[in-house]
């Protein structure tokens, strides 16, 4: 099994931050992967919505890699970075970084998960619309 080497600095901007709660634990005692996926989608959707200047819909999860498990009580930070802006779609890379705040490893900071999602800008009827990127900085 080839596991990527971890870097110490997240790519992108902080778009979402939350605490992993005990109610999200799976049968292995870690945070449920489906909940992690929802945080990734929320995080990328926030940036896509800001960039497109309106509604977006998730089109595709292009890549999703779980490197390390997340535990209850961990601080979850989602960093999002634009990879590509098309006529109606936006591709965004999302990284989840964990900060241990409730364990013997207090303060440890590491990347847990990485994903690439594609969002489509839509109008009020759910029809794809042209993107006119706006500056968010």
C-alpha atoms as a PDB file:
ATOM      1  CA  UNK A   1       0.000   0.000   0.000  1.00  0.00           C
ATOM      2  CA  UNK A   2       1.418   3.329  -1.089  1.00  0.00           C
ATOM      3  CA  UNK A   3       0.447   6.164   1.256  1.00  0.00           C
ATOM      4  CA  UNK A   4       1.341   9.717   0.265  1.00  0.00           C
ATOM      5  CA  UNK A   5       3.795  11.651   2.388  1.00  0.00           C
ATOM      6  CA  UNK A   6       2.051  14.233   4.526  1.00  0.00           C
ATOM      7  CA  UNK A   7       2.928  17.888   4.247  1.00  0.00           C
ATOM      8  CA  UNK A   8       2.514  20.362   7.076  1.00  0.00           C
ATOM      9  CA  UNK A   9       0.663  23.186   5.324  1.00  0.00           C
ATOM     10  CA  UNK A  10      -2.855  23.006   3.872  1.00  0.00           C
ATOM     11  CA  UNK A  11      -3.548  24.096   0.283  1.00  0.00           C
ATOM     12  CA  UNK A  12      -6.387  26.543  -0.275  1.00  0.00           C
ATOM     13  CA  UNK A  13      -8.473  28.741   1.976  1.00  0.00           C
ATOM     14  CA  UNK A  14     -10.308  27.721   5.122  1.00  0.00           C
ATOM     15  CA  UNK A  15     -13.947  27.309   4.066  1.00  0.00           C
ATOM     16  CA  UNK A  16     -15.411  25.220   6.887  1.00  0.00           C
ATOM     17  CA  UNK A  17     -14.475  24.269  10.440  1.00  0.00           C
ATOM     18  CA  UNK A  18     -16.299  22.054  12.928  1.00  0.00           C
ATOM     19  CA  UNK A  19     -15.827  19.520  15.718  1.00  0.00           C
ATOM     20  CA  UNK A  20     -16.319  15.788  15.101  1.00  0.00           C
ATOM     21  CA  UNK A  21     -19.059  14.764  17.512  1.00  0.00           C
ATOM     22  CA  UNK A  22     -19.612  11.332  19.150  1.00  0.00           C
ATOM     23  CA  UNK A  23     -22.945  10.953  17.333  1.00  0.00           C
ATOM     24  CA  UNK A  24     -21.007  10.585  14.046  1.00  0.00           C
ATOM     25  CA  UNK A  25     -18.986   7.501  15.092  1.00  0.00           C
ATOM     26  CA  UNK A  26     -19.091   4.356  12.915  1.00  0.00           C
ATOM     27  CA  UNK A  27     -18.885   0.728  14.083  1.00  0.00           C
ATOM     28  CA  UNK A  28     -15.060   0.931  14.098  1.00  0.00           C
ATOM     29  CA  UNK A  29     -15.058   3.808  16.593  1.00  0.00           C
ATOM     30  CA  UNK A  30     -13.962   6.457  14.052  1.00  0.00           C
ATOM     31  CA  UNK A  31     -15.991   9.224  12.444  1.00  0.00           C
ATOM     32  CA  UNK A  32     -18.288   7.853   9.708  1.00  0.00           C
ATOM     33  CA  UNK A  33     -16.926   8.393   6.179  1.00  0.00           C
ATOM     34  CA  UNK A  34     -20.299   9.563   4.883  1.00  0.00           C
ATOM     35  CA  UNK A  35     -20.324  12.428   7.378  1.00  0.00           C
ATOM     36  CA  UNK A  36     -16.793  13.375   6.316  1.00  0.00           C
ATOM     37  CA  UNK A  37     -17.946  13.364   2.684  1.00  0.00           C
ATOM     38  CA  UNK A  38     -20.794  15.736   3.585  1.00  0.00           C
ATOM     39  CA  UNK A  39     -18.324  18.176   5.180  1.00  0.00           C
ATOM     40  CA  UNK A  40     -16.184  18.016   2.035  1.00  0.00           C
ATOM     41  CA  UNK A  41     -19.221  18.765  -0.143  1.00  0.00           C
ATOM     42  CA  UNK A  42     -20.302  21.662   2.077  1.00  0.00           C
ATOM     43  CA  UNK A  43     -16.798  23.120   2.045  1.00  0.00           C
ATOM     44  CA  UNK A  44     -16.355  22.928  -1.717  1.00  0.00           C
ATOM     45  CA  UNK A  45     -19.903  24.155  -2.278  1.00  0.00           C
ATOM     46  CA  UNK A  46     -19.247  27.281  -0.231  1.00  0.00           C
ATOM     47  CA  UNK A  47     -16.300  28.247  -2.441  1.00  0.00           C
ATOM     48  CA  UNK A  48     -18.107  27.267  -5.666  1.00  0.00           C
ATOM     49  CA  UNK A  49     -21.103  29.400  -4.688  1.00  0.00           C
ATOM     50  CA  UNK A  50     -18.874  32.374  -3.881  1.00  0.00           C
ATOM     51  CA  UNK A  51     -16.970  32.058  -7.164  1.00  0.00           C
ATOM     52  CA  UNK A  52     -20.044  31.525  -9.366  1.00  0.00           C
ATOM     53  CA  UNK A  53     -22.047  34.253  -7.660  1.00  0.00           C
ATOM     54  CA  UNK A  54     -25.118  32.068  -7.208  1.00  0.00           C
ATOM     55  CA  UNK A  55     -26.551  28.583  -6.852  1.00  0.00           C
ATOM     56  CA  UNK A  56     -24.451  25.503  -7.533  1.00  0.00           C
ATOM     57  CA  UNK A  57     -25.088  21.778  -7.546  1.00  0.00           C
ATOM     58  CA  UNK A  58     -22.594  18.981  -6.942  1.00  0.00           C
ATOM     59  CA  UNK A  59     -22.016  17.181 -10.232  1.00  0.00           C
ATOM     60  CA  UNK A  60     -19.290  14.679  -9.414  1.00  0.00           C
ATOM     61  CA  UNK A  61     -16.870  13.460  -6.786  1.00  0.00           C
ATOM     62  CA  UNK A  62     -13.833  13.022  -8.998  1.00  0.00           C
ATOM     63  CA  UNK A  63     -11.466  11.822  -6.272  1.00  0.00           C
ATOM     64  CA  UNK A  64     -11.814  10.964  -2.574  1.00  0.00           C
ATOM     65  CA  UNK A  65      -8.934   9.625  -0.496  1.00  0.00           C
ATOM     66  CA  UNK A  66      -9.055   8.889   3.243  1.00  0.00           C
ATOM     67  CA  UNK A  67      -5.467   8.955   4.572  1.00  0.00           C
ATOM     68  CA  UNK A  68      -6.053   8.807   8.314  1.00  0.00           C
ATOM     69  CA  UNK A  69      -9.118   8.308  10.513  1.00  0.00           C
ATOM     70  CA  UNK A  70     -10.874  11.113  12.355  1.00  0.00           C
ATOM     71  CA  UNK A  71     -11.904  10.695  15.983  1.00  0.00           C
ATOM     72  CA  UNK A  72     -14.620  12.200  18.113  1.00  0.00           C
ATOM     73  CA  UNK A  73     -13.491  15.539  19.521  1.00  0.00           C
ATOM     74  CA  UNK A  74     -11.095  16.329  16.655  1.00  0.00           C
ATOM     75  CA  UNK A  75     -11.205  19.834  15.177  1.00  0.00           C
ATOM     76  CA  UNK A  76     -11.979  19.445  11.458  1.00  0.00           C
ATOM     77  CA  UNK A  77     -10.725  22.178   9.112  1.00  0.00           C
ATOM     78  CA  UNK A  78     -11.668  22.048   5.430  1.00  0.00           C
ATOM     79  CA  UNK A  79      -9.463  23.932   2.966  1.00  0.00           C
ATOM     80  CA  UNK A  80     -10.697  24.506  -0.580  1.00  0.00           C
ATOM     81  CA  UNK A  81      -8.786  25.531  -3.677  1.00  0.00           C
ATOM     82  CA  UNK A  82     -10.044  26.206  -7.200  1.00  0.00           C
ATOM     83  CA  UNK A  83      -8.534  23.810  -9.711  1.00  0.00           C
ATOM     84  CA  UNK A  84     -10.467  24.851 -12.828  1.00  0.00           C
ATOM     85  CA  UNK A  85     -13.301  27.162 -13.856  1.00  0.00           C
ATOM     86  CA  UNK A  86     -15.204  26.185 -16.992  1.00  0.00           C
ATOM     87  CA  UNK A  87     -18.209  27.739 -18.735  1.00  0.00           C
ATOM     88  CA  UNK A  88     -20.727  26.274 -16.264  1.00  0.00           C
ATOM     89  CA  UNK A  89     -18.592  24.148 -13.925  1.00  0.00           C
ATOM     90  CA  UNK A  90     -16.000  24.639 -11.206  1.00  0.00           C
ATOM     91  CA  UNK A  91     -13.528  21.957 -10.129  1.00  0.00           C
ATOM     92  CA  UNK A  92     -12.344  22.313  -6.521  1.00  0.00           C
ATOM     93  CA  UNK A  93      -9.730  20.458  -4.495  1.00  0.00           C
ATOM     94  CA  UNK A  94     -10.626  20.042  -0.827  1.00  0.00           C
ATOM     95  CA  UNK A  95      -8.335  18.950   2.000  1.00  0.00           C
ATOM     96  CA  UNK A  96      -9.444  18.019   5.506  1.00  0.00           C
ATOM     97  CA  UNK A  97      -6.924  18.763   8.220  1.00  0.00           C
ATOM     98  CA  UNK A  98      -7.296  17.532  11.772  1.00  0.00           C
ATOM     99  CA  UNK A  99      -6.178  19.220  14.949  1.00  0.00           C
ATOM    100  CA  UNK A 100      -6.253  17.067  18.054  1.00  0.00           C
ATOM    101  CA  UNK A 101      -7.820  19.090  20.853  1.00  0.00           C
ATOM    102  CA  UNK A 102      -9.187  16.388  23.117  1.00  0.00           C
ATOM    103  CA  UNK A 103      -6.543  13.683  23.564  1.00  0.00           C
ATOM    104  CA  UNK A 104      -2.985  12.823  24.532  1.00  0.00           C
ATOM    105  CA  UNK A 105      -1.961  14.145  21.090  1.00  0.00           C
ATOM    106  CA  UNK A 106      -3.241  17.673  21.856  1.00  0.00           C
ATOM    107  CA  UNK A 107      -2.156  20.166  19.175  1.00  0.00           C
ATOM    108  CA  UNK A 108      -1.110  17.584  16.569  1.00  0.00           C
ATOM    109  CA  UNK A 109      -2.129  18.837  13.090  1.00  0.00           C
ATOM    110  CA  UNK A 110      -2.280  16.570  10.039  1.00  0.00           C
ATOM    111  CA  UNK A 111      -4.074  15.970   6.755  1.00  0.00           C
ATOM    112  CA  UNK A 112      -6.754  13.310   6.983  1.00  0.00           C
ATOM    113  CA  UNK A 113      -8.619  13.411   3.690  1.00  0.00           C
ATOM    114  CA  UNK A 114      -8.342  14.822   0.166  1.00  0.00           C
ATOM    115  CA  UNK A 115     -10.997  15.172  -2.517  1.00  0.00           C
ATOM    116  CA  UNK A 116     -11.728  16.761  -5.872  1.00  0.00           C
ATOM    117  CA  UNK A 117     -15.327  17.713  -6.647  1.00  0.00           C
ATOM    118  CA  UNK A 118     -16.999  19.291  -9.651  1.00  0.00           C
ATOM    119  CA  UNK A 119     -19.871  21.733  -9.152  1.00  0.00           C
ATOM    120  CA  UNK A 120     -22.222  23.158 -11.787  1.00  0.00           C
ATOM    121  CA  UNK A 121     -23.623  26.671 -11.586  1.00  0.00           C
ATOM    122  CA  UNK A 122     -27.416  26.563 -11.906  1.00  0.00           C
ATOM    123  CA  UNK A 123     -30.240  29.061 -12.259  1.00  0.00           C
ATOM    124  CA  UNK A 124     -33.467  29.126 -10.219  1.00  0.00           C
ATOM    125  CA  UNK A 125     -34.934  26.363 -12.402  1.00  0.00           C
ATOM    126  CA  UNK A 126     -31.919  24.072 -11.884  1.00  0.00           C
ATOM    127  CA  UNK A 127     -30.611  24.640 -15.425  1.00  0.00           C
ATOM    128  CA  UNK A 128     -26.823  25.065 -15.876  1.00  0.00           C
ATOM    129  CA  UNK A 129     -25.864  28.715 -16.280  1.00  0.00           C
ATOM    130  CA  UNK A 130     -22.743  30.501 -17.463  1.00  0.00           C
ATOM    131  CA  UNK A 131     -20.225  31.389 -14.779  1.00  0.00           C
ATOM    132  CA  UNK A 132     -18.949  34.942 -14.544  1.00  0.00           C
ATOM    133  CA  UNK A 133     -16.239  34.522 -11.877  1.00  0.00           C
ATOM    134  CA  UNK A 134     -16.127  37.139  -9.154  1.00  0.00           C
ATOM    135  CA  UNK A 135     -13.201  38.008  -6.940  1.00  0.00           C
ATOM    136  CA  UNK A 136     -13.571  36.771  -3.358  1.00  0.00           C
ATOM    137  CA  UNK A 137     -10.367  38.304  -2.061  1.00  0.00           C
END
